[in-house]
Protein backbone atom coordinates (compact mmCIF):
# COMPACT_ATOMS: atom_id res chain seq x y z
CA MET A 1 18.11 -2.22 -11.97
CA ARG A 2 21.57 -0.15 -10.99
CA SER A 3 24.04 -2.34 -13.89
CA ASP A 4 21.11 -1.39 -16.09
CA LEU A 5 21.91 1.98 -15.29
CA ALA A 6 25.60 1.79 -15.42
CA SER A 7 25.34 0.35 -18.90
CA SER A 8 23.69 2.66 -20.31
CA ALA A 9 26.65 5.12 -18.93
CA ALA A 10 29.27 2.94 -19.97
CA PRO A 11 29.98 4.15 -23.18
CA LEU A 12 30.28 7.81 -22.46
CA ARG A 13 33.42 6.39 -21.41
CA GLY A 14 36.91 6.73 -23.16
CA LEU A 15 35.36 8.55 -26.39
CA GLY A 16 37.40 11.36 -25.71
CA GLY A 17 41.35 9.55 -25.50
CA PRO A 18 44.13 11.27 -28.03
CA LEU A 19 44.40 9.98 -31.78
CA ARG A 20 46.58 7.39 -32.78
CA SER A 21 49.46 8.72 -35.46
CA SER A 22 47.99 6.54 -38.17
CA GLU A 23 44.68 8.26 -37.81
CA PRO A 24 44.01 12.23 -39.26
CA VAL A 25 43.08 15.05 -37.43
CA SER A 26 40.25 16.00 -36.69
CA THR A 27 38.73 19.43 -37.55
CA ALA A 28 35.99 18.72 -35.55
CA PRO A 29 35.24 21.80 -32.87
CA ALA A 30 36.81 20.79 -29.30
CA PRO A 31 34.93 19.18 -26.64
CA SER A 32 32.12 21.65 -24.74
CA ALA A 33 32.63 21.75 -20.81
CA ALA A 34 30.10 20.13 -20.36
CA ALA A 35 30.79 16.97 -22.59
CA LEU A 36 34.02 16.82 -20.09
CA LEU A 37 31.91 17.13 -17.24
CA LEU A 38 29.91 14.34 -18.68
CA GLU A 39 32.66 12.26 -19.46
CA GLU A 40 34.18 12.36 -15.84
CA ALA A 41 31.02 11.79 -14.48
CA ALA A 42 30.59 8.81 -15.76
CA ASP A 43 34.38 8.00 -15.37
CA LEU A 44 33.41 8.52 -11.71
CA LEU A 45 29.70 6.19 -11.32
CA VAL A 46 31.98 3.66 -12.61
CA VAL A 47 35.48 3.58 -12.51
CA HIS A 48 36.15 4.73 -9.29
CA ARG A 49 32.57 3.97 -7.74
CA ASP A 50 32.26 7.72 -6.21
CA PHE A 51 29.01 8.30 -6.38
CA ARG A 52 28.48 12.10 -4.42
CA ALA A 53 31.23 13.18 -6.98
CA ALA A 54 29.82 12.03 -9.62
CA LEU A 55 25.96 13.47 -8.65
CA ARG A 56 28.41 16.81 -8.45
CA THR A 57 29.57 16.37 -11.04
CA CYS A 58 26.21 16.28 -13.49
CA GLU A 59 25.17 18.84 -11.20
CA ARG A 60 27.76 21.09 -12.05
CA ALA A 61 27.27 20.09 -16.48
CA TRP A 62 23.72 21.25 -15.93
CA GLN A 63 24.74 24.42 -14.59
CA GLY A 64 27.02 25.05 -17.22
CA LEU A 65 24.38 24.21 -20.30
CA ALA A 66 22.09 26.80 -18.72
CA GLU A 67 24.93 29.58 -19.27
CA GLU A 68 26.36 27.71 -23.03
CA PRO A 69 23.98 28.73 -26.11
CA ALA A 70 22.25 25.93 -27.86
CA GLY A 71 24.47 23.77 -30.39
CA ALA A 72 26.17 20.97 -31.52
CA TYR A 73 28.46 19.18 -28.67
CA VAL A 74 31.37 17.27 -29.23
CA LEU A 75 32.79 14.61 -27.23
CA GLY A 76 36.30 12.88 -28.63
CA ALA A 77 35.24 12.42 -32.44
CA VAL A 78 31.63 11.12 -31.97
CA GLY A 79 29.37 14.23 -32.07
CA PHE A 80 26.56 14.79 -29.20
CA GLY A 81 24.34 17.57 -29.68
CA SER A 82 22.61 19.54 -26.54
CA LEU A 83 19.95 16.42 -25.74
CA GLU A 84 22.26 13.86 -25.62
CA VAL A 85 23.93 15.49 -23.41
CA LYS A 86 21.64 16.41 -21.08
CA CYS A 87 19.93 13.04 -21.27
CA SER A 88 23.30 11.41 -20.58
CA LEU A 89 23.49 13.32 -17.81
CA CYS A 90 20.38 12.26 -16.46
CA VAL A 91 21.30 8.51 -16.81
CA VAL A 92 24.06 9.40 -15.05
CA GLY A 93 22.80 11.43 -12.22
CA ILE A 94 20.46 8.75 -11.56
CA GLN A 95 22.51 5.98 -11.09
CA ALA A 96 24.41 7.98 -8.65
CA LEU A 97 20.91 8.62 -6.56
CA ALA A 98 20.32 4.84 -7.07
CA GLU A 99 23.70 3.95 -5.73
CA MET A 100 23.56 6.50 -2.17
CA ASP A 101 19.61 4.67 -1.79
CA ARG A 102 18.19 8.61 -2.68
CA TRP A 103 16.28 7.27 -5.41
CA ARG A 104 12.98 9.15 -3.79
CA GLU A 105 14.18 11.92 -5.24
CA VAL A 106 15.50 11.17 -9.03
CA LEU A 107 11.63 12.67 -10.53
CA SER A 108 12.02 16.11 -8.27
CA TRP A 109 15.70 15.68 -9.56
CA VAL A 110 15.17 15.49 -13.19
CA LEU A 111 12.15 17.89 -13.59
CA GLN A 112 14.44 20.44 -11.80
CA TYR A 113 16.26 20.75 -15.09
CA TYR A 114 13.30 20.10 -17.20
CA GLN A 115 10.70 21.60 -15.53
CA VAL A 116 7.67 19.55 -16.59
CA PRO A 117 7.57 15.92 -16.86
CA GLU A 118 6.32 16.12 -20.53
CA LYS A 119 9.63 17.53 -21.46
CA LEU A 120 11.44 14.90 -20.03
CA PRO A 121 13.31 12.40 -22.78
CA PRO A 122 11.95 9.00 -23.08
CA LYS A 123 14.84 7.44 -22.16
CA VAL A 124 15.16 9.23 -18.72
CA LEU A 125 11.65 8.46 -18.16
CA GLU A 126 11.41 4.62 -18.86
CA LEU A 127 14.73 4.83 -16.25
CA CYS A 128 12.93 6.65 -13.51
CA VAL A 129 9.47 3.89 -14.22
CA LEU A 130 11.34 1.02 -13.90
CA LEU A 131 13.58 2.37 -10.46
CA TYR A 132 10.12 3.46 -9.17
CA SER A 133 8.44 -0.07 -10.44
CA LYS A 134 11.61 -2.28 -8.46
CA MET A 135 11.35 -0.48 -5.69
CA GLN A 136 7.46 -0.91 -5.52
CA GLU A 137 6.24 2.60 -5.30
CA PRO A 138 5.14 3.32 -8.90
CA GLY A 139 2.54 5.36 -7.59
CA ALA A 140 4.70 8.85 -7.18
CA LEU A 141 5.24 8.72 -11.20
CA LEU A 142 1.44 7.55 -12.11
CA ASP A 143 0.86 11.15 -12.93
CA ALA A 144 4.06 12.44 -14.23
CA VAL A 145 3.53 9.37 -17.06
CA ARG A 146 -0.09 9.95 -17.86
CA ALA A 147 0.95 13.75 -18.66
CA TRP A 148 4.28 12.38 -20.85
CA LEU A 149 1.29 10.29 -23.13
CA ARG A 150 -0.54 12.52 -23.15
CA ASN A 151 1.45 15.03 -24.89
CA PRO A 152 0.86 15.47 -28.73
CA HIS A 153 4.50 16.00 -29.56
CA ASN A 154 5.38 12.66 -27.32
CA GLN A 155 2.54 10.75 -29.29
CA GLY A 156 4.76 10.79 -32.93
CA LEU A 157 8.24 9.58 -30.83
CA PRO A 158 9.27 5.93 -32.05
CA GLU A 159 9.98 5.44 -28.12
CA TYR A 160 5.87 6.12 -27.50
CA GLY A 161 4.63 2.63 -28.34
CA ALA A 162 7.40 0.98 -25.16
CA LEU A 163 6.54 3.38 -23.11
CA VAL A 164 2.79 2.74 -23.11
CA GLU A 165 3.40 -0.91 -23.33
CA LEU A 166 5.89 0.14 -19.91
CA HIS A 167 3.56 1.99 -18.24
CA LEU A 168 0.35 -0.29 -18.39
CA GLN A 169 2.61 -2.64 -16.75
CA ARG A 170 4.70 -1.26 -14.70
CA VAL A 171 2.70 1.44 -13.07
CA LEU A 172 -1.44 1.33 -13.78
CA LEU A 173 -1.82 -2.36 -13.66
CA PRO A 174 0.21 -3.34 -9.90
CA LEU A 175 -1.87 -0.16 -8.58
CA GLY A 176 -4.95 -1.74 -9.76
CA CYS A 177 -6.22 1.00 -12.33
CA VAL A 178 -7.74 -1.73 -14.61
CA SER A 179 -9.73 0.97 -16.47
CA GLU A 180 -7.86 3.15 -17.06
CA ALA A 181 -5.77 0.27 -18.39
CA GLU A 182 -8.51 -0.81 -20.42
CA GLU A 183 -8.72 2.76 -22.03
CA LEU A 184 -4.99 2.59 -22.81
CA VAL A 185 -5.38 -0.35 -24.56
CA ALA A 186 -8.21 0.93 -26.44
CA GLY A 187 -6.80 4.13 -27.63
CA PHE A 188 -3.09 3.43 -28.68
CA THR A 189 -3.44 1.70 -32.25
CA ALA A 190 -0.12 0.98 -32.44
CA PHE A 191 -0.37 -1.84 -30.58
CA SER A 192 0.13 -5.51 -32.70
CA GLU A 193 -2.24 -7.91 -32.53
CA GLU A 194 -0.31 -10.04 -30.02
CA GLN A 195 0.97 -6.64 -27.67
CA ARG A 196 -2.97 -6.02 -27.54
CA LEU A 197 -3.88 -9.18 -26.94
CA ASN A 198 -0.85 -9.51 -23.58
CA ALA A 199 -1.78 -6.27 -22.65
CA LEU A 200 -5.67 -7.82 -22.34
CA GLN A 201 -5.26 -10.69 -21.07
CA ALA A 202 -3.28 -9.12 -18.07
CA ILE A 203 -6.14 -6.68 -17.51
CA SER A 204 -8.02 -9.37 -17.46
CA THR A 205 -5.66 -11.40 -14.94
CA MET A 206 -5.72 -8.21 -12.74
CA ARG A 207 -9.38 -7.85 -12.67
CA GLN A 208 -10.16 -11.15 -11.58
CA GLN A 209 -7.30 -10.80 -8.56
CA GLN A 210 -9.94 -7.45 -7.91
CA LYS A 211 -12.75 -9.57 -7.74
CA HIS A 212 -11.32 -12.39 -5.13
CA GLY A 213 -9.15 -9.89 -2.91
CA HIS A 214 -12.73 -7.69 -2.79
CA SER A 215 -15.02 -11.24 -1.60
CA GLY A 216 -11.93 -12.02 0.59
CA SER A 217 -11.97 -8.58 2.61
CA GLU A 218 -15.77 -8.80 2.86
CA GLU A 219 -15.94 -12.41 4.25
CA THR A 220 -13.12 -11.25 6.57
CA GLN A 221 -14.91 -8.51 7.84
CA LYS A 222 -17.52 -10.36 8.41
CA LEU A 223 -15.75 -13.05 10.62
CA ASN A 224 -14.34 -10.23 12.96
CA LEU A 225 -17.40 -8.73 13.16
CA GLU A 226 -19.22 -12.27 14.49
CA GLY A 227 -15.92 -12.29 16.77
CA SER A 228 -15.93 -9.25 17.95
CA SER A 229 -20.21 -9.89 19.04
CA SER A 230 -19.05 -13.63 20.48
CA HIS A 231 -16.48 -11.74 22.55
CA LYS A 232 -18.55 -8.98 23.61
CA PHE A 233 -21.49 -11.55 24.56
CA LEU A 234 -19.15 -13.56 26.50
CA PRO A 235 -18.55 -11.76 29.24
CA LEU A 236 -22.13 -10.93 28.90
CA LEU A 237 -23.30 -14.53 30.16
CA THR A 238 -20.68 -14.61 32.60
CA LEU A 239 -22.24 -11.99 34.33
CA LEU A 240 -25.80 -13.56 34.03
CA ARG A 241 -24.41 -16.77 35.52
CA GLN A 242 -23.06 -14.83 38.54
CA LEU A 243 -25.83 -13.49 39.54
CA TRP A 244 -27.81 -16.38 38.97
CA ASN A 245 -25.82 -18.44 41.17
CA SER A 246 -26.28 -15.71 43.67
CA ALA A 247 -29.86 -15.82 43.44
CA VAL A 248 -29.99 -19.02 44.23
CA SER A 249 -27.44 -19.14 46.78
CA HIS A 250 -29.64 -16.78 48.47
CA LEU A 251 -33.02 -18.22 47.28
CA PHE A 252 -31.87 -21.61 49.51
CA SER A 253 -30.22 -19.88 52.63
CA LEU A 254 -32.08 -20.50 56.02
CA PRO A 255 -32.97 -16.64 56.15
CA PHE A 256 -34.63 -16.12 53.34
CA ARG A 257 -36.90 -19.44 54.25
CA ARG A 258 -37.62 -17.63 57.83
CA GLY A 259 -38.39 -14.32 56.20
CA LEU A 260 -40.56 -15.91 53.46
CA LEU A 261 -42.43 -18.32 56.81
CA ALA A 262 -42.98 -14.43 58.33
CA ALA A 263 -44.24 -12.94 55.21
CA LEU A 264 -46.98 -15.67 54.50
CA VAL A 265 -48.17 -15.40 58.17
CA LEU A 266 -48.15 -11.57 58.02
CA CYS A 267 -50.32 -11.78 54.55
CA LEU A 268 -52.42 -14.37 56.44
CA LEU A 269 -53.01 -11.91 59.67
CA VAL A 270 -53.66 -8.72 57.57
CA VAL A 271 -56.30 -10.56 54.54
CA ARG A 272 -58.30 -11.97 58.37
CA LEU A 273 -58.62 -14.99 56.78
CA ASP A 274 -61.87 -16.44 58.95
CA PRO A 275 -60.28 -20.67 58.59
CA ALA A 276 -63.89 -21.91 59.47
CA ALA A 277 -64.94 -20.41 56.36
CA PRO A 278 -65.71 -22.09 53.34
CA PRO A 279 -64.33 -20.53 50.94
CA SER A 280 -60.62 -20.05 52.93
CA LEU A 281 -60.22 -23.57 52.82
CA THR A 282 -59.26 -24.02 49.77
CA PHE A 283 -56.65 -21.82 49.81
CA VAL A 284 -55.24 -22.78 53.26
CA ASN A 285 -55.17 -26.74 52.02
CA GLN A 286 -53.36 -25.24 48.81
CA LEU A 287 -50.98 -23.22 51.50
CA ALA A 288 -50.28 -26.07 53.84
CA GLN A 289 -49.51 -27.80 50.27
CA LEU A 290 -46.65 -25.56 49.19
CA PHE A 291 -45.22 -25.65 52.86
CA ARG A 292 -45.04 -28.94 52.78
CA ARG A 293 -43.17 -29.00 49.33
CA ILE A 294 -41.40 -26.07 50.41
CA ARG A 295 -39.87 -28.29 54.09
CA GLU A 296 -39.38 -31.12 51.79
CA ALA A 297 -37.17 -29.22 49.22
CA MET A 298 -35.19 -27.63 51.76
CA SER A 299 -34.99 -30.04 54.41
CA PRO A 300 -31.16 -31.59 53.01
CA LEU A 301 -30.57 -28.23 52.73
CA CYS A 302 -31.20 -27.41 56.42
CA ARG A 303 -28.39 -29.92 57.44
CA LEU A 304 -25.17 -28.07 55.90
CA PRO A 305 -23.89 -25.90 58.38
CA ILE A 306 -25.22 -22.54 58.71
CA HIS A 307 -21.88 -19.49 58.31
CA ASP A 308 -23.45 -15.89 59.48
């Protein structure tokens, strides 16, 4: 990116050098102050690598342009109009900001001179798109490029088609704006058949990636939910196991057995069963069998030492 931007500013150097003796004296007007400052800014950028000074020189040139009347500006023997000087100043300024790692300020810096995105020169807008795309921040330019492309005056420029394709490849598709990209391709009739097919292929690829990414995110959410449920269920199982072990230990402890026997005896006294009565014989036999089973089951535990 930096080499691309620097190459845009490099041809501005040396255009105002002295004439050789064999050359006729030009009758063109003297270079304007803005044109001279443009040459100085390009020299600071490319030769001296003084990016801060180059940016300040561009800003001084812009101030001078605001004070001078519109007209033709001449840089050496090459005629430069006011629009060309302004565009070249932006190219040098963008490069200087990028070199100082202040690329986030580029859009606001150029808009302070052009006020609205629709008035940006195609070359300046192209450099902004390339810069923000390379820094993986194309969303910062989304609204600006939209406004520029919708402007009727810009739609008649020869650079319009290249900027449509650049907007599609560098801004819309990286941001996942598939529907907008399809509308852009369908509404732009100046595309060649090859360009249209390439654009539709890129859009189809992005749509497939979005579908796979959506299904993958659903699977991830499902696995996370299952993992969260299992993590919540494991402590509950551990707690239930501890309660079960405690209940079993208390159930087979000696004090519990004695309490159970006392409760059964108390029940017999309260109900006042008559052992001689025939209806009570069945219950007494069942009760005796229950005691016999309890005694057989508890006999191994009675041999264990009792810890109070």
